[in-house]
Each structure stands twice: as structure tokens, then as C-alpha cells.
Amino acid sequence: MARTDSGKLPEAGRHEAGLPAEPVLARQVPIPRESLAKLGLLHAEAACHVSLGRFVANSVTLAGLLMLMGGASLLAGGGTLASDFVWSVLVLAGVTAITVNFIRGPARAPLAPPLESSAADLRAILLYTGFAWGAGAFLALPADPGPGVALGFAIAPALLARALLKDRAGIAAFCLPAIGLTAAAALLQHWRQGHVLAPGILAAGILIILFTYLETGRARLYPGRHGTA
């Protein structure tokens, strides 16, 4: 009985020789090249959806921490009752918007199609929340806060946003107005050493955003080692 070029008996020859038929699963089925070409695209798309889901979900944690930090800033004193109330309403509006976006969005189903819309809305909300937080430098902080208070008010929320959100557009949307307004307050309200504090606050904010972009750039090259954004 002649064998085929691959060294395997044909089905008829295997039956005549008393051998069992070759299992269907053992047969080599060629995979279309089009399907192989789409594997990388599907993997990148799935990683993007997971990253967006984490971004939307972690925003609620950031909102809660902002409430705690805002309360600590109010307890430190410095603003009038009216200015503290206005700032509290501004920040609370941002926190509420973040929470509503999470509840209404598909954060619990990261692969749902509307996830991109929730992430885009969240970036806009973070931009507003950054302005609301930065307004506290004019409304809630003392007329002449020390360097530690000024730096902590501007930099601590930015570092939390970078650690939790892992989304460079969202981090920049929050950090730029929050840090920029605090630096502006240092100059416009003539804080002691404000001419030194303002550049220092701006430099720290730029470094936070720069490191975020570098980290997300490495994540695109090594998605298995870093979170994507």
C-alpha cells in the first residue's frame, strides 16, 4: 500500500489495513492569513477596553479621596464661610459627576461598546474638577500658606490621579488646571516666596505629566508589563 507524501496512509488505506481512522481534531487545518493578521489588532483592542474600564472604575476612588482632602483643606482654615461653601459646592459637583458617570457607564462590563463614551465624558469631567480644585487656592487656602501646604494642595491630588487613573489624557485634564491655578494664586495673592513656589509647583506638575506620558509610551511597547492608557 503506497503512502502519501506526508507519510500518512489515506483514509481508504487505513481502513483496509485495519487501522483506526485519523481523528478529525488531529488533521491539520490551515488558518487563514487574514485571521492571523487580525490577532494583533484584537489583542490591542481588548487591552484598550480593559484599560478604559480600569480608568472609569478608579475614578470613583479618586473622587472619594478628593472629598477627604478637600475636607482636610477646609479644616485647616484660611477662607471665609462663604468662600469655603462656594469651593465645597464646586468640588462636590465634580465628585458627583464622576460618580454618576461611573454608575451610568459600563464600568462593571469593560468590554461593552459604550465604554469609550464614558471615558470621554470622564475626561471632560476631570477637566472641570481640576479647575474646581484649583479654585480652592483662591477660596479655601490661607492668605499666605506655607510652602508645604501650597505644594501639598497642588501636588498630592495630581499624584493620586496619576497613580489611580493610568490615562494620560485624563491625568493631564485634571492636573493642568489644578496646578496652574495654584501657581497663579501664589503670584496673584502675593504668597510669601510665591515667586519661588509658582515655578516649583509648575515644574512638579510638568514632571508628573511627563512621567505619565513616558510610562504610557512604554505600556504601548510592553502591554504585558505596564498598564495601558
C-alpha atoms as a PDB file:
ATOM      1  CA  MET A   1       0.000   0.000   0.000  1.00  0.00           C
ATOM      2  CA  ALA A   2       1.537   3.300  -1.082  1.00  0.00           C
ATOM      3  CA  ARG A   3       1.809   6.062   1.430  1.00  0.00           C
ATOM      4  CA  THR A   4       1.154   9.700   0.760  1.00  0.00           C
ATOM      5  CA  ASP A   5       3.939  12.279   0.603  1.00  0.00           C
ATOM      6  CA  SER A   6       3.317  13.230   4.225  1.00  0.00           C
ATOM      7  CA  GLY A   7       3.968   9.665   5.370  1.00  0.00           C
ATOM      8  CA  LYS A   8       0.344   9.039   6.359  1.00  0.00           C
ATOM      9  CA  LEU A   9      -1.984   6.427   4.894  1.00  0.00           C
ATOM     10  CA  PRO A  10      -5.078   7.752   3.148  1.00  0.00           C
ATOM     11  CA  GLU A  11      -8.411   7.062   4.821  1.00  0.00           C
ATOM     12  CA  ALA A  12      -9.209   4.098   2.494  1.00  0.00           C
ATOM     13  CA  GLY A  13      -5.764   2.567   3.092  1.00  0.00           C
ATOM     14  CA  ARG A  14      -6.093   2.907   6.846  1.00  0.00           C
ATOM     15  CA  HIS A  15      -9.443   1.112   6.713  1.00  0.00           C
ATOM     16  CA  GLU A  16      -8.060  -1.762   4.606  1.00  0.00           C
ATOM     17  CA  ALA A  17      -5.042  -2.094   6.873  1.00  0.00           C
ATOM     18  CA  GLY A  18      -7.301  -2.373   9.925  1.00  0.00           C
ATOM     19  CA  LEU A  19      -6.099   0.907  11.377  1.00  0.00           C
ATOM     20  CA  PRO A  20      -8.495   3.361  13.015  1.00  0.00           C
ATOM     21  CA  ALA A  21      -9.440   6.443  11.081  1.00  0.00           C
ATOM     22  CA  GLU A  22      -7.393   9.535  11.803  1.00  0.00           C
ATOM     23  CA  PRO A  23      -9.183  11.704  14.373  1.00  0.00           C
ATOM     24  CA  VAL A  24     -10.756  14.792  12.940  1.00  0.00           C
ATOM     25  CA  LEU A  25      -9.068  17.001  15.535  1.00  0.00           C
ATOM     26  CA  ALA A  26      -5.649  15.640  14.573  1.00  0.00           C
ATOM     27  CA  ARG A  27      -5.967  16.769  10.981  1.00  0.00           C
ATOM     28  CA  GLN A  28      -4.106  19.920  10.174  1.00  0.00           C
ATOM     29  CA  VAL A  29      -6.463  22.683   9.173  1.00  0.00           C
ATOM     30  CA  PRO A  30      -4.718  25.727   7.722  1.00  0.00           C
ATOM     31  CA  ILE A  31      -5.537  29.025   9.432  1.00  0.00           C
ATOM     32  CA  PRO A  32      -6.322  31.841   7.012  1.00  0.00           C
ATOM     33  CA  ARG A  33      -3.688  34.536   6.929  1.00  0.00           C
ATOM     34  CA  GLU A  34      -6.392  37.168   7.350  1.00  0.00           C
ATOM     35  CA  SER A  35      -7.309  35.705  10.733  1.00  0.00           C
ATOM     36  CA  LEU A  36      -3.686  35.651  11.867  1.00  0.00           C
ATOM     37  CA  ALA A  37      -3.265  39.271  10.825  1.00  0.00           C
ATOM     38  CA  LYS A  38      -6.238  40.278  12.962  1.00  0.00           C
ATOM     39  CA  LEU A  39      -4.906  38.664  16.155  1.00  0.00           C
ATOM     40  CA  GLY A  40      -2.647  41.585  16.994  1.00  0.00           C
ATOM     41  CA  LEU A  41      -5.429  44.071  16.351  1.00  0.00           C
ATOM     42  CA  LEU A  42      -7.859  42.131  18.538  1.00  0.00           C
ATOM     43  CA  HIS A  43      -5.301  41.903  21.347  1.00  0.00           C
ATOM     44  CA  ALA A  44      -4.645  45.661  21.228  1.00  0.00           C
ATOM     45  CA  GLU A  45      -8.365  46.416  21.171  1.00  0.00           C
ATOM     46  CA  ALA A  46      -9.038  44.159  24.165  1.00  0.00           C
ATOM     47  CA  ALA A  47      -6.160  45.751  26.117  1.00  0.00           C
ATOM     48  CA  CYS A  48      -7.551  49.200  25.324  1.00  0.00           C
ATOM     49  CA  HIS A  49     -11.020  48.238  26.580  1.00  0.00           C
ATOM     50  CA  VAL A  50      -9.588  46.823  29.807  1.00  0.00           C
ATOM     51  CA  SER A  51      -7.550  49.998  30.345  1.00  0.00           C
ATOM     52  CA  LEU A  52     -10.586  52.224  29.777  1.00  0.00           C
ATOM     53  CA  GLY A  53     -12.648  50.123  32.176  1.00  0.00           C
ATOM     54  CA  ARG A  54      -9.992  50.495  34.859  1.00  0.00           C
ATOM     55  CA  PHE A  55      -9.818  54.242  34.175  1.00  0.00           C
ATOM     56  CA  VAL A  56     -13.567  54.716  34.695  1.00  0.00           C
ATOM     57  CA  ALA A  57     -13.701  52.428  37.733  1.00  0.00           C
ATOM     58  CA  ASN A  58     -10.721  54.006  39.535  1.00  0.00           C
ATOM     59  CA  SER A  59     -12.123  57.497  39.042  1.00  0.00           C
ATOM     60  CA  VAL A  60     -14.600  56.808  41.855  1.00  0.00           C
ATOM     61  CA  THR A  61     -11.715  56.137  44.250  1.00  0.00           C
ATOM     62  CA  LEU A  62     -10.120  59.415  43.199  1.00  0.00           C
ATOM     63  CA  ALA A  63     -13.416  61.231  43.787  1.00  0.00           C
ATOM     64  CA  GLY A  64     -13.648  59.855  47.319  1.00  0.00           C
ATOM     65  CA  LEU A  65     -10.054  60.840  48.106  1.00  0.00           C
ATOM     66  CA  LEU A  66     -10.667  64.340  46.757  1.00  0.00           C
ATOM     67  CA  MET A  67     -13.569  64.705  49.177  1.00  0.00           C
ATOM     68  CA  LEU A  68     -11.346  63.678  52.080  1.00  0.00           C
ATOM     69  CA  MET A  69      -8.535  66.006  51.017  1.00  0.00           C
ATOM     70  CA  GLY A  70     -10.986  68.835  50.460  1.00  0.00           C
ATOM     71  CA  GLY A  71     -12.371  68.362  53.948  1.00  0.00           C
ATOM     72  CA  ALA A  72      -8.847  68.454  55.377  1.00  0.00           C
ATOM     73  CA  SER A  73      -8.152  71.683  53.480  1.00  0.00           C
ATOM     74  CA  LEU A  74     -11.299  73.271  54.909  1.00  0.00           C
ATOM     75  CA  LEU A  75     -10.401  72.196  58.427  1.00  0.00           C
ATOM     76  CA  ALA A  76      -7.005  73.827  58.018  1.00  0.00           C
ATOM     77  CA  GLY A  77      -8.845  77.142  57.720  1.00  0.00           C
ATOM     78  CA  GLY A  78      -7.952  80.213  55.734  1.00  0.00           C
ATOM     79  CA  GLY A  79     -11.099  81.047  53.795  1.00  0.00           C
ATOM     80  CA  THR A  80     -14.312  82.741  54.834  1.00  0.00           C
ATOM     81  CA  LEU A  81     -17.516  80.811  55.405  1.00  0.00           C
ATOM     82  CA  ALA A  82     -18.901  81.970  52.057  1.00  0.00           C
ATOM     83  CA  SER A  83     -15.746  81.142  50.080  1.00  0.00           C
ATOM     84  CA  ASP A  84     -15.447  77.733  51.732  1.00  0.00           C
ATOM     85  CA  PHE A  85     -19.061  76.997  50.860  1.00  0.00           C
ATOM     86  CA  VAL A  86     -18.589  78.018  47.219  1.00  0.00           C
ATOM     87  CA  TRP A  87     -15.489  75.864  46.864  1.00  0.00           C
ATOM     88  CA  SER A  88     -17.181  72.909  48.545  1.00  0.00           C
ATOM     89  CA  VAL A  89     -20.071  73.126  46.065  1.00  0.00           C
ATOM     90  CA  LEU A  90     -17.692  73.329  43.111  1.00  0.00           C
ATOM     91  CA  VAL A  91     -15.696  70.276  44.192  1.00  0.00           C
ATOM     92  CA  LEU A  92     -18.794  68.335  45.197  1.00  0.00           C
ATOM     93  CA  ALA A  93     -20.275  68.923  41.743  1.00  0.00           C
ATOM     94  CA  GLY A  94     -17.198  67.338  40.152  1.00  0.00           C
ATOM     95  CA  VAL A  95     -17.239  64.406  42.571  1.00  0.00           C
ATOM     96  CA  THR A  96     -20.938  63.842  41.895  1.00  0.00           C
ATOM     97  CA  ALA A  97     -20.420  63.954  38.134  1.00  0.00           C
ATOM     98  CA  ILE A  98     -17.614  61.376  38.370  1.00  0.00           C
ATOM     99  CA  THR A  99     -19.807  59.073  40.451  1.00  0.00           C
ATOM    100  CA  VAL A 100     -22.808  59.420  38.129  1.00  0.00           C
ATOM    101  CA  ASN A 101     -20.600  58.725  35.105  1.00  0.00           C
ATOM    102  CA  PHE A 102     -19.422  55.508  36.754  1.00  0.00           C
ATOM    103  CA  ILE A 103     -22.928  54.394  37.701  1.00  0.00           C
ATOM    104  CA  ARG A 104     -24.412  55.106  34.300  1.00  0.00           C
ATOM    105  CA  GLY A 105     -21.405  53.843  32.363  1.00  0.00           C
ATOM    106  CA  PRO A 106     -20.312  50.262  31.662  1.00  0.00           C
ATOM    107  CA  ALA A 107     -17.565  50.200  34.303  1.00  0.00           C
ATOM    108  CA  ARG A 108     -18.692  46.776  35.503  1.00  0.00           C
ATOM    109  CA  ALA A 109     -18.593  45.414  31.930  1.00  0.00           C
ATOM    110  CA  PRO A 110     -15.286  46.652  30.487  1.00  0.00           C
ATOM    111  CA  LEU A 111     -15.899  45.133  27.050  1.00  0.00           C
ATOM    112  CA  ALA A 112     -19.198  46.902  26.478  1.00  0.00           C
ATOM    113  CA  PRO A 113     -19.266  49.176  23.393  1.00  0.00           C
ATOM    114  CA  PRO A 114     -20.269  52.422  25.242  1.00  0.00           C
ATOM    115  CA  LEU A 115     -17.078  52.373  27.297  1.00  0.00           C
ATOM    116  CA  GLU A 116     -15.282  54.828  25.016  1.00  0.00           C
ATOM    117  CA  SER A 117     -18.106  57.326  25.503  1.00  0.00           C
ATOM    118  CA  SER A 118     -17.908  57.013  29.305  1.00  0.00           C
ATOM    119  CA  ALA A 119     -14.140  57.556  29.204  1.00  0.00           C
ATOM    120  CA  ALA A 120     -14.511  60.639  27.002  1.00  0.00           C
ATOM    121  CA  ASP A 121     -17.145  62.078  29.349  1.00  0.00           C
ATOM    122  CA  LEU A 122     -14.893  61.342  32.319  1.00  0.00           C
ATOM    123  CA  ARG A 123     -12.010  63.306  30.795  1.00  0.00           C
ATOM    124  CA  ALA A 124     -14.280  66.325  30.390  1.00  0.00           C
ATOM    125  CA  ILE A 125     -15.471  65.934  33.985  1.00  0.00           C
ATOM    126  CA  LEU A 126     -11.872  65.702  35.208  1.00  0.00           C
ATOM    127  CA  LEU A 127     -11.078  68.947  33.385  1.00  0.00           C
ATOM    128  CA  TYR A 128     -13.867  70.696  35.282  1.00  0.00           C
ATOM    129  CA  THR A 129     -12.844  69.037  38.564  1.00  0.00           C
ATOM    130  CA  GLY A 130      -9.270  70.237  38.065  1.00  0.00           C
ATOM    131  CA  PHE A 131     -10.498  73.823  37.704  1.00  0.00           C
ATOM    132  CA  ALA A 132     -12.769  73.392  40.732  1.00  0.00           C
ATOM    133  CA  TRP A 133      -9.914  72.056  42.826  1.00  0.00           C
ATOM    134  CA  GLY A 134      -7.503  74.756  41.690  1.00  0.00           C
ATOM    135  CA  ALA A 135     -10.055  77.432  42.614  1.00  0.00           C
ATOM    136  CA  GLY A 136      -9.532  76.357  46.212  1.00  0.00           C
ATOM    137  CA  ALA A 137      -6.144  78.069  46.120  1.00  0.00           C
ATOM    138  CA  PHE A 138      -8.068  81.360  45.948  1.00  0.00           C
ATOM    139  CA  LEU A 139     -11.118  80.385  48.025  1.00  0.00           C
ATOM    140  CA  ALA A 140     -10.075  77.944  50.741  1.00  0.00           C
ATOM    141  CA  LEU A 141      -6.348  78.273  51.453  1.00  0.00           C
ATOM    142  CA  PRO A 142      -4.990  80.859  53.880  1.00  0.00           C
ATOM    143  CA  ALA A 143      -3.952  84.219  52.500  1.00  0.00           C
ATOM    144  CA  ASP A 144      -0.319  83.182  52.865  1.00  0.00           C
ATOM    145  CA  PRO A 145       0.025  79.386  53.139  1.00  0.00           C
ATOM    146  CA  GLY A 146       3.377  77.857  53.837  1.00  0.00           C
ATOM    147  CA  PRO A 147       5.331  76.014  51.126  1.00  0.00           C
ATOM    148  CA  GLY A 148       4.271  72.626  52.485  1.00  0.00           C
ATOM    149  CA  VAL A 149       0.565  73.483  52.381  1.00  0.00           C
ATOM    150  CA  ALA A 150       0.799  75.008  48.905  1.00  0.00           C
ATOM    151  CA  LEU A 151       2.761  72.120  47.420  1.00  0.00           C
ATOM    152  CA  GLY A 152       0.588  69.523  49.109  1.00  0.00           C
ATOM    153  CA  PHE A 153      -2.613  71.171  47.894  1.00  0.00           C
ATOM    154  CA  ALA A 154      -1.431  71.163  44.270  1.00  0.00           C
ATOM    155  CA  ILE A 155       0.770  68.080  44.000  1.00  0.00           C
ATOM    156  CA  ALA A 156      -0.934  65.481  46.215  1.00  0.00           C
ATOM    157  CA  PRO A 157      -4.147  65.274  44.116  1.00  0.00           C
ATOM    158  CA  ALA A 158      -2.067  65.180  40.932  1.00  0.00           C
ATOM    159  CA  LEU A 159      -0.014  62.252  42.231  1.00  0.00           C
ATOM    160  CA  LEU A 160      -3.189  60.419  43.248  1.00  0.00           C
ATOM    161  CA  ALA A 161      -4.667  60.990  39.801  1.00  0.00           C
ATOM    162  CA  ARG A 162      -1.524  59.629  38.169  1.00  0.00           C
ATOM    163  CA  ALA A 163      -1.461  56.564  40.428  1.00  0.00           C
ATOM    164  CA  LEU A 164      -5.142  55.696  40.025  1.00  0.00           C
ATOM    165  CA  LEU A 165      -6.279  56.754  36.566  1.00  0.00           C
ATOM    166  CA  LYS A 166      -3.440  55.479  34.311  1.00  0.00           C
ATOM    167  CA  ASP A 167      -4.893  57.572  31.480  1.00  0.00           C
ATOM    168  CA  ARG A 168      -2.632  60.326  30.245  1.00  0.00           C
ATOM    169  CA  ALA A 169      -5.412  62.468  28.754  1.00  0.00           C
ATOM    170  CA  GLY A 170      -7.465  62.218  31.946  1.00  0.00           C
ATOM    171  CA  ILE A 171      -4.460  62.938  34.161  1.00  0.00           C
ATOM    172  CA  ALA A 172      -3.481  65.980  32.099  1.00  0.00           C
ATOM    173  CA  ALA A 173      -7.084  67.232  32.094  1.00  0.00           C
ATOM    174  CA  PHE A 174      -7.143  67.257  35.893  1.00  0.00           C
ATOM    175  CA  CYS A 175      -3.564  68.249  36.684  1.00  0.00           C
ATOM    176  CA  LEU A 176      -3.109  71.195  34.332  1.00  0.00           C
ATOM    177  CA  PRO A 177      -5.881  73.429  35.737  1.00  0.00           C
ATOM    178  CA  ALA A 178      -5.400  72.300  39.345  1.00  0.00           C
ATOM    179  CA  ILE A 179      -1.667  73.003  39.326  1.00  0.00           C
ATOM    180  CA  GLY A 180      -1.892  76.052  37.073  1.00  0.00           C
ATOM    181  CA  LEU A 181      -4.456  77.831  39.247  1.00  0.00           C
ATOM    182  CA  THR A 182      -2.466  77.102  42.407  1.00  0.00           C
ATOM    183  CA  ALA A 183       0.664  78.550  40.832  1.00  0.00           C
ATOM    184  CA  ALA A 184      -1.338  81.579  39.696  1.00  0.00           C
ATOM    185  CA  ALA A 185      -2.653  82.093  43.225  1.00  0.00           C
ATOM    186  CA  ALA A 186       0.890  82.060  44.566  1.00  0.00           C
ATOM    187  CA  LEU A 187       1.713  85.043  42.347  1.00  0.00           C
ATOM    188  CA  LEU A 188      -1.557  86.960  42.279  1.00  0.00           C
ATOM    189  CA  GLN A 189      -2.187  86.726  46.018  1.00  0.00           C
ATOM    190  CA  HIS A 190       1.436  87.573  46.810  1.00  0.00           C
ATOM    191  CA  TRP A 191       2.179  84.483  48.874  1.00  0.00           C
ATOM    192  CA  ARG A 192       5.405  84.589  50.790  1.00  0.00           C
ATOM    193  CA  GLN A 193       8.075  83.179  48.469  1.00  0.00           C
ATOM    194  CA  GLY A 194       5.375  82.999  45.801  1.00  0.00           C
ATOM    195  CA  HIS A 195       7.921  83.809  43.098  1.00  0.00           C
ATOM    196  CA  VAL A 196       9.673  80.565  44.067  1.00  0.00           C
ATOM    197  CA  LEU A 197       6.587  78.488  44.821  1.00  0.00           C
ATOM    198  CA  ALA A 198       4.870  79.177  41.499  1.00  0.00           C
ATOM    199  CA  PRO A 199       7.723  77.856  39.287  1.00  0.00           C
ATOM    200  CA  GLY A 200       8.213  74.932  41.670  1.00  0.00           C
ATOM    201  CA  ILE A 201       4.545  73.942  41.503  1.00  0.00           C
ATOM    202  CA  LEU A 202       4.514  74.255  37.715  1.00  0.00           C
ATOM    203  CA  ALA A 203       7.718  72.211  37.374  1.00  0.00           C
ATOM    204  CA  ALA A 204       6.326  69.450  39.590  1.00  0.00           C
ATOM    205  CA  GLY A 205       3.130  69.336  37.534  1.00  0.00           C
ATOM    206  CA  ILE A 206       5.052  69.155  34.269  1.00  0.00           C
ATOM    207  CA  LEU A 207       7.175  66.296  35.628  1.00  0.00           C
ATOM    208  CA  ILE A 208       4.071  64.359  36.699  1.00  0.00           C
ATOM    209  CA  ILE A 209       2.524  64.689  33.245  1.00  0.00           C
ATOM    210  CA  LEU A 210       5.837  63.936  31.508  1.00  0.00           C
ATOM    211  CA  PHE A 211       6.379  60.755  33.527  1.00  0.00           C
ATOM    212  CA  THR A 212       2.806  59.736  32.752  1.00  0.00           C
ATOM    213  CA  TYR A 213       3.395  60.079  29.013  1.00  0.00           C
ATOM    214  CA  LEU A 214       6.672  58.166  29.238  1.00  0.00           C
ATOM    215  CA  GLU A 215       5.023  55.383  31.237  1.00  0.00           C
ATOM    216  CA  THR A 216       2.129  55.022  28.824  1.00  0.00           C
ATOM    217  CA  GLY A 217       4.592  55.061  25.937  1.00  0.00           C
ATOM    218  CA  ARG A 218       6.367  52.038  27.443  1.00  0.00           C
ATOM    219  CA  ALA A 219       2.984  50.411  28.007  1.00  0.00           C
ATOM    220  CA  ARG A 220       2.297  50.529  24.282  1.00  0.00           C
ATOM    221  CA  LEU A 221       5.554  48.687  23.637  1.00  0.00           C
ATOM    222  CA  TYR A 222       5.236  46.213  26.531  1.00  0.00           C
ATOM    223  CA  PRO A 223       1.497  45.823  27.268  1.00  0.00           C
ATOM    224  CA  GLY A 224       2.111  42.799  29.449  1.00  0.00           C
ATOM    225  CA  ARG A 225       4.344  44.690  31.873  1.00  0.00           C
ATOM    226  CA  HIS A 226       2.611  48.045  32.193  1.00  0.00           C
ATOM    227  CA  GLY A 227      -0.968  49.218  32.226  1.00  0.00           C
ATOM    228  CA  THR A 228      -2.115  50.847  29.010  1.00  0.00           C
ATOM    229  CA  ALA A 229      -3.693  54.248  28.721  1.00  0.00           C
END
